[in-house]
Amino acid sequence: MKKHVFYFYLLRLVYLIVVTTTLVACNHSKKLVTAKGWKLIWNDEFNYTGLPDSTKWNYDVGGHGWGNNEKQYYLRNSLENSFVADGALHIVALKKDVEGSNYTSAKLLTYQKFLLQYGKVEVMAKLPRGTGNWPAIWMLPESLRKNEEQWPLCGEIDIMEHVGKDPNVIHSSLHTQLYNHLKGTQMSYFKKLPDVFDSFHKYGIEWTVSDIKFYIDDKLFFESAKGQAGRISNNEGWPFDKPYYLILNLAIGGNWGGEIDDRIFPNDFQIDYVRMYKK
């Protein structure tokens, strides 16, 4: 190879390396910009590989239906079902027999790792496609784990739920003793959002003493206030005044997930980052 050709390709290579490094650095810095008026207090950017960070995430394990006749068995520390790669957390459901269940998946939670009482939650996620899946981003209180309260008295905050049989329809809900889906009285809202399968969207809440506001891509999606529209505002009607932990999971089938199309597996729920803030 002639010397001038060699130097041409060498300079081209150096240029590509510099440009790529700059773009990565810029993208990384953009990702870490803190929302104005908020202080970042907990996050996982998934900038590593392997199992989810054990200092930040715990697991629920089992296959007993989880109160909804779900068909998956949740596994702990299974690289097939929950792993970090390419800058994202992957929660993967598989057609696989374990402990009497025909499907496996993962359910990650911040219980015993991090609790939030009032603040801002942001989860950037891309949803899996297919009939029979049920990905969710939601919160339950520490009081439930301590057996101080039972569901639904303890309360539940559903930041994002999606069922594959109803594609592109995002659900956000609050459940309480008086207002829950078993009674058909839950504080809930749903809306069709295009492109949830091929693009990441930011799902989040802003939670104060008096209300919870739900956002998609920083746009107000749904809000509910304590005592709104004559609702009772004691613990039975508004139990959102205690520490909650965050949950990320991919359920299969069940009362809401419905009939399962076995052609969808492996089914991959991807999370780009999780961030929690205080004012």
C-alpha atoms as a PDB file:
ATOM      1  CA  MET A   1       0.000   0.000   0.000  1.00  0.00           C
ATOM      2  CA  LYS A   2       1.319   3.428  -0.897  1.00  0.00           C
ATOM      3  CA  LYS A   3       2.218   5.689   1.989  1.00  0.00           C
ATOM      4  CA  HIS A   4      -0.309   8.432   1.158  1.00  0.00           C
ATOM      5  CA  VAL A   5      -3.139   5.861   0.926  1.00  0.00           C
ATOM      6  CA  PHE A   6      -2.118   4.401   4.293  1.00  0.00           C
ATOM      7  CA  TYR A   7      -2.177   7.846   5.931  1.00  0.00           C
ATOM      8  CA  PHE A   8      -5.552   8.563   4.330  1.00  0.00           C
ATOM      9  CA  TYR A   9      -7.111   5.487   5.930  1.00  0.00           C
ATOM     10  CA  LEU A  10      -5.331   6.141   9.216  1.00  0.00           C
ATOM     11  CA  LEU A  11      -6.721   9.691   9.382  1.00  0.00           C
ATOM     12  CA  ARG A  12     -10.158   8.385   8.430  1.00  0.00           C
ATOM     13  CA  LEU A  13     -10.006   5.855  11.276  1.00  0.00           C
ATOM     14  CA  VAL A  14      -8.932   8.508  13.789  1.00  0.00           C
ATOM     15  CA  TYR A  15     -11.748  10.770  12.609  1.00  0.00           C
ATOM     16  CA  LEU A  16     -14.352   8.013  13.064  1.00  0.00           C
ATOM     17  CA  ILE A  17     -13.056   7.216  16.547  1.00  0.00           C
ATOM     18  CA  VAL A  18     -13.182  10.886  17.614  1.00  0.00           C
ATOM     19  CA  VAL A  19     -16.680  11.397  16.184  1.00  0.00           C
ATOM     20  CA  THR A  20     -18.025   8.207  17.758  1.00  0.00           C
ATOM     21  CA  THR A  21     -16.494   9.034  21.144  1.00  0.00           C
ATOM     22  CA  THR A  22     -17.918  12.553  21.009  1.00  0.00           C
ATOM     23  CA  LEU A  23     -21.393  11.310  20.118  1.00  0.00           C
ATOM     24  CA  VAL A  24     -21.350   8.755  22.923  1.00  0.00           C
ATOM     25  CA  ALA A  25     -20.191  11.379  25.414  1.00  0.00           C
ATOM     26  CA  CYS A  26     -22.882  13.810  24.244  1.00  0.00           C
ATOM     27  CA  ASN A  27     -25.602  11.204  24.437  1.00  0.00           C
ATOM     28  CA  HIS A  28     -24.463  10.177  27.888  1.00  0.00           C
ATOM     29  CA  SER A  29     -24.427  13.765  29.151  1.00  0.00           C
ATOM     30  CA  LYS A  30     -27.903  14.339  27.716  1.00  0.00           C
ATOM     31  CA  LYS A  31     -29.214  11.302  29.526  1.00  0.00           C
ATOM     32  CA  LEU A  32     -27.995  12.597  32.867  1.00  0.00           C
ATOM     33  CA  VAL A  33     -29.542  16.066  32.665  1.00  0.00           C
ATOM     34  CA  THR A  34     -31.639  16.563  35.817  1.00  0.00           C
ATOM     35  CA  ALA A  35     -35.151  17.932  35.472  1.00  0.00           C
ATOM     36  CA  LYS A  36     -35.357  21.554  36.584  1.00  0.00           C
ATOM     37  CA  GLY A  37     -36.506  21.945  40.180  1.00  0.00           C
ATOM     38  CA  TRP A  38     -35.749  18.301  41.011  1.00  0.00           C
ATOM     39  CA  LYS A  39     -32.802  16.588  42.671  1.00  0.00           C
ATOM     40  CA  LEU A  40     -31.844  13.139  41.396  1.00  0.00           C
ATOM     41  CA  ILE A  41     -31.700  10.792  44.411  1.00  0.00           C
ATOM     42  CA  TRP A  42     -31.740   7.312  42.839  1.00  0.00           C
ATOM     43  CA  ASN A  43     -31.127   6.028  39.333  1.00  0.00           C
ATOM     44  CA  ASP A  44     -29.934   3.191  37.170  1.00  0.00           C
ATOM     45  CA  GLU A  45     -28.712   4.140  33.690  1.00  0.00           C
ATOM     46  CA  PHE A  46     -27.874   0.500  32.826  1.00  0.00           C
ATOM     47  CA  ASN A  47     -24.437   1.450  31.577  1.00  0.00           C
ATOM     48  CA  TYR A  48     -22.981  -1.974  32.366  1.00  0.00           C
ATOM     49  CA  THR A  49     -23.492  -5.601  31.328  1.00  0.00           C
ATOM     50  CA  GLY A  50     -24.704  -8.738  33.069  1.00  0.00           C
ATOM     51  CA  LEU A  51     -27.252  -9.165  35.825  1.00  0.00           C
ATOM     52  CA  PRO A  52     -29.098  -6.082  37.146  1.00  0.00           C
ATOM     53  CA  ASP A  53     -27.156  -4.214  39.843  1.00  0.00           C
ATOM     54  CA  SER A  54     -27.794  -6.116  43.083  1.00  0.00           C
ATOM     55  CA  THR A  55     -27.242  -2.964  45.154  1.00  0.00           C
ATOM     56  CA  LYS A  56     -30.283  -1.414  43.441  1.00  0.00           C
ATOM     57  CA  TRP A  57     -32.609  -4.276  42.529  1.00  0.00           C
ATOM     58  CA  ASN A  58     -34.292  -7.153  44.295  1.00  0.00           C
ATOM     59  CA  TYR A  59     -36.574  -9.848  42.844  1.00  0.00           C
ATOM     60  CA  ASP A  60     -39.929 -11.439  43.412  1.00  0.00           C
ATOM     61  CA  VAL A  61     -39.780 -15.188  42.784  1.00  0.00           C
ATOM     62  CA  GLY A  62     -42.502 -17.740  42.127  1.00  0.00           C
ATOM     63  CA  GLY A  63     -45.317 -18.924  39.919  1.00  0.00           C
ATOM     64  CA  HIS A  64     -48.509 -18.928  41.964  1.00  0.00           C
ATOM     65  CA  GLY A  65     -50.470 -16.582  39.696  1.00  0.00           C
ATOM     66  CA  TRP A  66     -49.755 -13.392  41.663  1.00  0.00           C
ATOM     67  CA  GLY A  67     -53.436 -12.771  42.373  1.00  0.00           C
ATOM     68  CA  ASN A  68     -54.251 -12.467  38.660  1.00  0.00           C
ATOM     69  CA  ASN A  69     -53.939 -16.091  37.430  1.00  0.00           C
ATOM     70  CA  GLU A  70     -50.744 -15.147  35.603  1.00  0.00           C
ATOM     71  CA  LYS A  71     -48.932 -18.024  33.906  1.00  0.00           C
ATOM     72  CA  GLN A  72     -45.256 -17.115  34.312  1.00  0.00           C
ATOM     73  CA  TYR A  73     -42.724 -18.229  36.922  1.00  0.00           C
ATOM     74  CA  TYR A  74     -40.512 -15.332  38.036  1.00  0.00           C
ATOM     75  CA  LEU A  75     -36.843 -16.256  38.420  1.00  0.00           C
ATOM     76  CA  ARG A  76     -34.073 -14.581  40.414  1.00  0.00           C
ATOM     77  CA  ASN A  77     -30.634 -13.902  38.907  1.00  0.00           C
ATOM     78  CA  SER A  78     -31.523 -15.584  35.618  1.00  0.00           C
ATOM     79  CA  LEU A  79     -29.502 -14.156  32.738  1.00  0.00           C
ATOM     80  CA  GLU A  80     -32.141 -15.555  30.386  1.00  0.00           C
ATOM     81  CA  ASN A  81     -34.866 -13.453  31.989  1.00  0.00           C
ATOM     82  CA  SER A  82     -33.232 -10.257  33.282  1.00  0.00           C
ATOM     83  CA  PHE A  83     -29.961  -8.841  32.048  1.00  0.00           C
ATOM     84  CA  VAL A  84     -28.299  -5.571  31.083  1.00  0.00           C
ATOM     85  CA  ALA A  85     -26.811  -5.184  27.594  1.00  0.00           C
ATOM     86  CA  ASP A  86     -26.387  -2.418  25.015  1.00  0.00           C
ATOM     87  CA  GLY A  87     -27.257   0.240  27.593  1.00  0.00           C
ATOM     88  CA  ALA A  88     -30.649  -1.184  28.564  1.00  0.00           C
ATOM     89  CA  LEU A  89     -32.258  -3.550  31.033  1.00  0.00           C
ATOM     90  CA  HIS A  90     -33.973  -6.466  29.311  1.00  0.00           C
ATOM     91  CA  ILE A  91     -36.795  -8.319  31.072  1.00  0.00           C
ATOM     92  CA  VAL A  92     -37.462 -11.347  28.894  1.00  0.00           C
ATOM     93  CA  ALA A  93     -40.333 -13.825  29.036  1.00  0.00           C
ATOM     94  CA  LEU A  94     -39.665 -17.289  27.630  1.00  0.00           C
ATOM     95  CA  LYS A  95     -41.701 -20.373  26.747  1.00  0.00           C
ATOM     96  CA  LYS A  96     -40.037 -22.638  29.285  1.00  0.00           C
ATOM     97  CA  ASP A  97     -41.331 -25.088  31.893  1.00  0.00           C
ATOM     98  CA  VAL A  98     -40.327 -24.340  35.498  1.00  0.00           C
ATOM     99  CA  GLU A  99     -42.013 -25.558  38.683  1.00  0.00           C
ATOM    100  CA  GLY A 100     -45.318 -26.349  36.985  1.00  0.00           C
ATOM    101  CA  SER A 101     -45.413 -23.110  34.986  1.00  0.00           C
ATOM    102  CA  ASN A 102     -45.007 -23.076  31.195  1.00  0.00           C
ATOM    103  CA  TYR A 103     -43.368 -19.648  31.014  1.00  0.00           C
ATOM    104  CA  THR A 104     -40.547 -17.827  32.782  1.00  0.00           C
ATOM    105  CA  SER A 105     -39.963 -14.102  33.286  1.00  0.00           C
ATOM    106  CA  ALA A 106     -38.580 -11.624  35.840  1.00  0.00           C
ATOM    107  CA  LYS A 107     -39.991  -9.143  38.323  1.00  0.00           C
ATOM    108  CA  LEU A 108     -37.519  -6.553  39.607  1.00  0.00           C
ATOM    109  CA  LEU A 109     -38.210  -4.256  42.534  1.00  0.00           C
ATOM    110  CA  THR A 110     -36.438  -1.705  44.697  1.00  0.00           C
ATOM    111  CA  TYR A 111     -37.876  -3.104  47.944  1.00  0.00           C
ATOM    112  CA  GLN A 112     -35.125  -3.236  50.619  1.00  0.00           C
ATOM    113  CA  LYS A 113     -32.975  -1.159  48.240  1.00  0.00           C
ATOM    114  CA  PHE A 114     -34.821   2.145  47.859  1.00  0.00           C
ATOM    115  CA  LEU A 115     -38.170   3.619  48.932  1.00  0.00           C
ATOM    116  CA  LEU A 116     -39.829   6.823  47.796  1.00  0.00           C
ATOM    117  CA  GLN A 117     -42.467   8.928  49.533  1.00  0.00           C
ATOM    118  CA  TYR A 118     -43.400  11.877  47.299  1.00  0.00           C
ATOM    119  CA  GLY A 119     -41.217  12.833  44.369  1.00  0.00           C
ATOM    120  CA  LYS A 120     -40.755  12.216  40.668  1.00  0.00           C
ATOM    121  CA  VAL A 121     -40.280   8.884  38.884  1.00  0.00           C
ATOM    122  CA  GLU A 122     -39.117   8.503  35.279  1.00  0.00           C
ATOM    123  CA  VAL A 123     -38.752   5.222  33.364  1.00  0.00           C
ATOM    124  CA  MET A 124     -37.714   5.212  29.702  1.00  0.00           C
ATOM    125  CA  ALA A 125     -39.037   1.983  28.193  1.00  0.00           C
ATOM    126  CA  LYS A 126     -39.808   0.127  24.984  1.00  0.00           C
ATOM    127  CA  LEU A 127     -42.664  -2.362  25.244  1.00  0.00           C
ATOM    128  CA  PRO A 128     -42.806  -5.923  23.924  1.00  0.00           C
ATOM    129  CA  ARG A 129     -45.207  -6.817  21.141  1.00  0.00           C
ATOM    130  CA  GLY A 130     -47.610  -9.766  21.132  1.00  0.00           C
ATOM    131  CA  THR A 131     -50.861 -11.202  22.412  1.00  0.00           C
ATOM    132  CA  GLY A 132     -50.650 -12.516  25.947  1.00  0.00           C
ATOM    133  CA  ASN A 133     -47.980 -10.269  27.471  1.00  0.00           C
ATOM    134  CA  TRP A 134     -48.485  -7.713  30.241  1.00  0.00           C
ATOM    135  CA  PRO A 135     -45.514  -5.393  30.955  1.00  0.00           C
ATOM    136  CA  ALA A 136     -45.868  -2.989  33.859  1.00  0.00           C
ATOM    137  CA  ILE A 137     -44.136  -0.143  35.701  1.00  0.00           C
ATOM    138  CA  TRP A 138     -45.773   0.295  39.098  1.00  0.00           C
ATOM    139  CA  MET A 139     -45.375   0.863  42.853  1.00  0.00           C
ATOM    140  CA  LEU A 140     -46.485  -0.778  46.093  1.00  0.00           C
ATOM    141  CA  PRO A 141     -45.901   0.370  49.695  1.00  0.00           C
ATOM    142  CA  GLU A 142     -43.482  -1.051  52.208  1.00  0.00           C
ATOM    143  CA  SER A 143     -46.449  -1.539  54.574  1.00  0.00           C
ATOM    144  CA  LEU A 144     -47.679  -4.427  52.398  1.00  0.00           C
ATOM    145  CA  ARG A 145     -44.366  -6.272  52.725  1.00  0.00           C
ATOM    146  CA  LYS A 146     -44.368  -5.748  56.466  1.00  0.00           C
ATOM    147  CA  ASN A 147     -47.886  -7.196  56.703  1.00  0.00           C
ATOM    148  CA  GLU A 148     -49.094  -3.955  58.236  1.00  0.00           C
ATOM    149  CA  GLU A 149     -51.736  -3.613  55.507  1.00  0.00           C
ATOM    150  CA  GLN A 150     -53.268  -5.862  52.876  1.00  0.00           C
ATOM    151  CA  TRP A 151     -54.107  -5.019  49.286  1.00  0.00           C
ATOM    152  CA  PRO A 152     -56.005  -2.909  48.299  1.00  0.00           C
ATOM    153  CA  LEU A 153     -56.031  -0.994  51.610  1.00  0.00           C
ATOM    154  CA  CYS A 154     -52.283  -0.405  51.229  1.00  0.00           C
ATOM    155  CA  GLY A 155     -52.692   1.334  47.848  1.00  0.00           C
ATOM    156  CA  GLU A 156     -51.112   0.771  44.437  1.00  0.00           C
ATOM    157  CA  ILE A 157     -49.689   3.205  41.866  1.00  0.00           C
ATOM    158  CA  ASP A 158     -49.684   1.910  38.271  1.00  0.00           C
ATOM    159  CA  ILE A 159     -47.439   4.222  36.261  1.00  0.00           C
ATOM    160  CA  MET A 160     -47.749   2.228  33.031  1.00  0.00           C
ATOM    161  CA  GLU A 161     -49.532  -0.996  32.102  1.00  0.00           C
ATOM    162  CA  HIS A 162     -49.991  -2.466  28.643  1.00  0.00           C
ATOM    163  CA  VAL A 163     -51.576  -5.711  27.471  1.00  0.00           C
ATOM    164  CA  GLY A 164     -50.611  -7.171  24.118  1.00  0.00           C
ATOM    165  CA  LYS A 165     -54.186  -7.981  23.110  1.00  0.00           C
ATOM    166  CA  ASP A 166     -54.912  -4.224  23.130  1.00  0.00           C
ATOM    167  CA  PRO A 167     -51.847  -2.838  21.316  1.00  0.00           C
ATOM    168  CA  ASN A 168     -50.590   0.711  21.895  1.00  0.00           C
ATOM    169  CA  VAL A 169     -53.126   1.446  24.651  1.00  0.00           C
ATOM    170  CA  ILE A 170     -51.373   2.700  27.803  1.00  0.00           C
ATOM    171  CA  HIS A 171     -53.111   2.458  31.180  1.00  0.00           C
ATOM    172  CA  SER A 172     -52.333   4.451  34.342  1.00  0.00           C
ATOM    173  CA  SER A 173     -54.236   3.791  37.567  1.00  0.00           C
ATOM    174  CA  LEU A 174     -54.458   4.263  41.313  1.00  0.00           C
ATOM    175  CA  HIS A 175     -55.981   1.505  43.469  1.00  0.00           C
ATOM    176  CA  THR A 176     -57.243   1.902  47.029  1.00  0.00           C
ATOM    177  CA  GLN A 177     -59.610   0.134  49.423  1.00  0.00           C
ATOM    178  CA  LEU A 178     -62.573   2.149  48.153  1.00  0.00           C
ATOM    179  CA  TYR A 179     -61.457   2.696  44.568  1.00  0.00           C
ATOM    180  CA  ASN A 180     -60.059  -0.398  42.840  1.00  0.00           C
ATOM    181  CA  HIS A 181     -60.526  -2.550  39.750  1.00  0.00           C
ATOM    182  CA  LEU A 182     -62.357  -5.310  41.627  1.00  0.00           C
ATOM    183  CA  LYS A 183     -65.143  -2.825  42.271  1.00  0.00           C
ATOM    184  CA  GLY A 184     -64.707  -1.043  38.940  1.00  0.00           C
ATOM    185  CA  THR A 185     -64.097   2.184  40.845  1.00  0.00           C
ATOM    186  CA  GLN A 186     -60.347   2.593  40.311  1.00  0.00           C
ATOM    187  CA  MET A 187     -58.895   6.002  39.510  1.00  0.00           C
ATOM    188  CA  SER A 188     -57.747   5.191  36.000  1.00  0.00           C
ATOM    189  CA  TYR A 189     -57.071   6.571  32.553  1.00  0.00           C
ATOM    190  CA  PHE A 190     -56.036   5.019  29.253  1.00  0.00           C
ATOM    191  CA  LYS A 191     -54.979   6.393  25.920  1.00  0.00           C
ATOM    192  CA  LYS A 192     -53.684   5.088  22.594  1.00  0.00           C
ATOM    193  CA  LEU A 193     -50.011   5.908  22.061  1.00  0.00           C
ATOM    194  CA  PRO A 194     -48.460   5.072  18.682  1.00  0.00           C
ATOM    195  CA  ASP A 195     -45.134   3.297  18.302  1.00  0.00           C
ATOM    196  CA  VAL A 196     -44.711   1.818  21.801  1.00  0.00           C
ATOM    197  CA  PHE A 197     -43.040  -1.295  20.363  1.00  0.00           C
ATOM    198  CA  ASP A 198     -40.305   0.239  18.217  1.00  0.00           C
ATOM    199  CA  SER A 199     -39.472   3.402  20.178  1.00  0.00           C
ATOM    200  CA  PHE A 200     -38.639   4.247  23.768  1.00  0.00           C
ATOM    201  CA  HIS A 201     -41.101   6.457  25.641  1.00  0.00           C
ATOM    202  CA  LYS A 202     -40.722   8.087  29.048  1.00  0.00           C
ATOM    203  CA  TYR A 203     -43.364   7.027  31.577  1.00  0.00           C
ATOM    204  CA  GLY A 204     -43.465   8.833  34.905  1.00  0.00           C
ATOM    205  CA  ILE A 205     -45.259  10.440  37.805  1.00  0.00           C
ATOM    206  CA  GLU A 206     -44.976  13.524  39.982  1.00  0.00           C
ATOM    207  CA  TRP A 207     -46.290  12.656  43.435  1.00  0.00           C
ATOM    208  CA  THR A 208     -47.087  15.189  46.153  1.00  0.00           C
ATOM    209  CA  VAL A 209     -49.047  15.199  49.411  1.00  0.00           C
ATOM    210  CA  SER A 210     -52.174  16.276  47.558  1.00  0.00           C
ATOM    211  CA  ASP A 211     -52.031  14.638  44.109  1.00  0.00           C
ATOM    212  CA  ILE A 212     -50.320  12.270  41.661  1.00  0.00           C
ATOM    213  CA  LYS A 213     -49.758  13.375  38.077  1.00  0.00           C
ATOM    214  CA  PHE A 214     -48.913  10.865  35.352  1.00  0.00           C
ATOM    215  CA  TYR A 215     -46.741  11.834  32.381  1.00  0.00           C
ATOM    216  CA  ILE A 216     -45.757  10.280  29.048  1.00  0.00           C
ATOM    217  CA  ASP A 217     -42.799  11.892  27.296  1.00  0.00           C
ATOM    218  CA  ASP A 218     -43.049  14.829  29.748  1.00  0.00           C
ATOM    219  CA  LYS A 219     -46.657  15.541  28.746  1.00  0.00           C
ATOM    220  CA  LEU A 220     -49.400  15.360  31.368  1.00  0.00           C
ATOM    221  CA  PHE A 221     -51.344  12.136  30.743  1.00  0.00           C
ATOM    222  CA  PHE A 222     -53.619  11.775  33.781  1.00  0.00           C
ATOM    223  CA  GLU A 223     -53.890  13.216  37.279  1.00  0.00           C
ATOM    224  CA  SER A 224     -55.771  12.410  40.427  1.00  0.00           C
ATOM    225  CA  ALA A 225     -56.041  14.552  43.551  1.00  0.00           C
ATOM    226  CA  LYS A 226     -56.778  13.725  47.160  1.00  0.00           C
ATOM    227  CA  GLY A 227     -60.497  14.253  47.756  1.00  0.00           C
ATOM    228  CA  GLN A 228     -61.130  14.886  44.066  1.00  0.00           C
ATOM    229  CA  ALA A 229     -64.767  14.765  42.901  1.00  0.00           C
ATOM    230  CA  GLY A 230     -66.019  13.986  46.375  1.00  0.00           C
ATOM    231  CA  ARG A 231     -63.738  10.966  46.872  1.00  0.00           C
ATOM    232  CA  ILE A 232     -63.006  10.065  50.483  1.00  0.00           C
ATOM    233  CA  SER A 233     -59.513  11.234  51.405  1.00  0.00           C
ATOM    234  CA  ASN A 234     -58.712   9.020  54.424  1.00  0.00           C
ATOM    235  CA  ASN A 235     -56.424   5.963  54.167  1.00  0.00           C
ATOM    236  CA  GLU A 236     -59.185   3.899  52.562  1.00  0.00           C
ATOM    237  CA  GLY A 237     -59.555   6.453  49.791  1.00  0.00           C
ATOM    238  CA  TRP A 238     -56.046   7.957  49.522  1.00  0.00           C
ATOM    239  CA  PRO A 239     -53.271   5.772  50.999  1.00  0.00           C
ATOM    240  CA  PHE A 240     -50.516   7.531  49.070  1.00  0.00           C
ATOM    241  CA  ASP A 241     -48.785   9.019  52.105  1.00  0.00           C
ATOM    242  CA  LYS A 242     -46.202   6.354  52.913  1.00  0.00           C
ATOM    243  CA  PRO A 243     -42.975   4.936  51.389  1.00  0.00           C
ATOM    244  CA  TYR A 244     -43.408   2.952  48.161  1.00  0.00           C
ATOM    245  CA  TYR A 245     -41.000   0.830  46.123  1.00  0.00           C
ATOM    246  CA  LEU A 246     -40.799   0.582  42.331  1.00  0.00           C
ATOM    247  CA  ILE A 247     -41.589  -2.597  40.354  1.00  0.00           C
ATOM    248  CA  LEU A 248     -40.696  -3.555  36.770  1.00  0.00           C
ATOM    249  CA  ASN A 249     -42.116  -6.810  35.458  1.00  0.00           C
ATOM    250  CA  LEU A 250     -43.339  -8.710  32.430  1.00  0.00           C
ATOM    251  CA  ALA A 251     -46.317 -10.941  33.186  1.00  0.00           C
ATOM    252  CA  ILE A 252     -47.796 -13.523  30.831  1.00  0.00           C
ATOM    253  CA  GLY A 253     -51.502 -14.301  30.480  1.00  0.00           C
ATOM    254  CA  GLY A 254     -53.725 -13.947  33.511  1.00  0.00           C
ATOM    255  CA  ASN A 255     -57.046 -12.234  34.075  1.00  0.00           C
ATOM    256  CA  TRP A 256     -56.048  -9.239  31.997  1.00  0.00           C
ATOM    257  CA  GLY A 257     -53.216 -10.548  29.825  1.00  0.00           C
ATOM    258  CA  GLY A 258     -55.600 -13.156  28.438  1.00  0.00           C
ATOM    259  CA  GLU A 259     -54.921 -15.760  25.777  1.00  0.00           C
ATOM    260  CA  ILE A 260     -51.242 -16.350  25.007  1.00  0.00           C
ATOM    261  CA  ASP A 261     -49.787 -16.564  21.510  1.00  0.00           C
ATOM    262  CA  ASP A 262     -46.733 -18.798  21.902  1.00  0.00           C
ATOM    263  CA  ARG A 263     -45.185 -17.306  18.756  1.00  0.00           C
ATOM    264  CA  ILE A 264     -44.269 -14.114  20.664  1.00  0.00           C
ATOM    265  CA  PHE A 265     -41.409 -15.689  22.614  1.00  0.00           C
ATOM    266  CA  PRO A 266     -38.800 -14.635  23.510  1.00  0.00           C
ATOM    267  CA  ASN A 267     -40.663 -11.475  24.564  1.00  0.00           C
ATOM    268  CA  ASP A 268     -38.396  -8.547  25.489  1.00  0.00           C
ATOM    269  CA  PHE A 269     -39.374  -5.582  27.703  1.00  0.00           C
ATOM    270  CA  GLN A 270     -36.548  -2.995  27.510  1.00  0.00           C
ATOM    271  CA  ILE A 271     -35.799  -0.198  29.976  1.00  0.00           C
ATOM    272  CA  ASP A 272     -33.246   2.460  29.025  1.00  0.00           C
ATOM    273  CA  TYR A 273     -33.100   4.108  32.452  1.00  0.00           C
ATOM    274  CA  VAL A 274     -34.896   4.555  35.771  1.00  0.00           C
ATOM    275  CA  ARG A 275     -34.644   7.829  37.742  1.00  0.00           C
ATOM    276  CA  MET A 276     -36.219   9.060  40.938  1.00  0.00           C
ATOM    277  CA  TYR A 277     -36.129  12.620  42.235  1.00  0.00           C
ATOM    278  CA  LYS A 278     -37.055  14.826  45.172  1.00  0.00           C
ATOM    279  CA  LYS A 279     -38.061  18.488  44.913  1.00  0.00           C
END
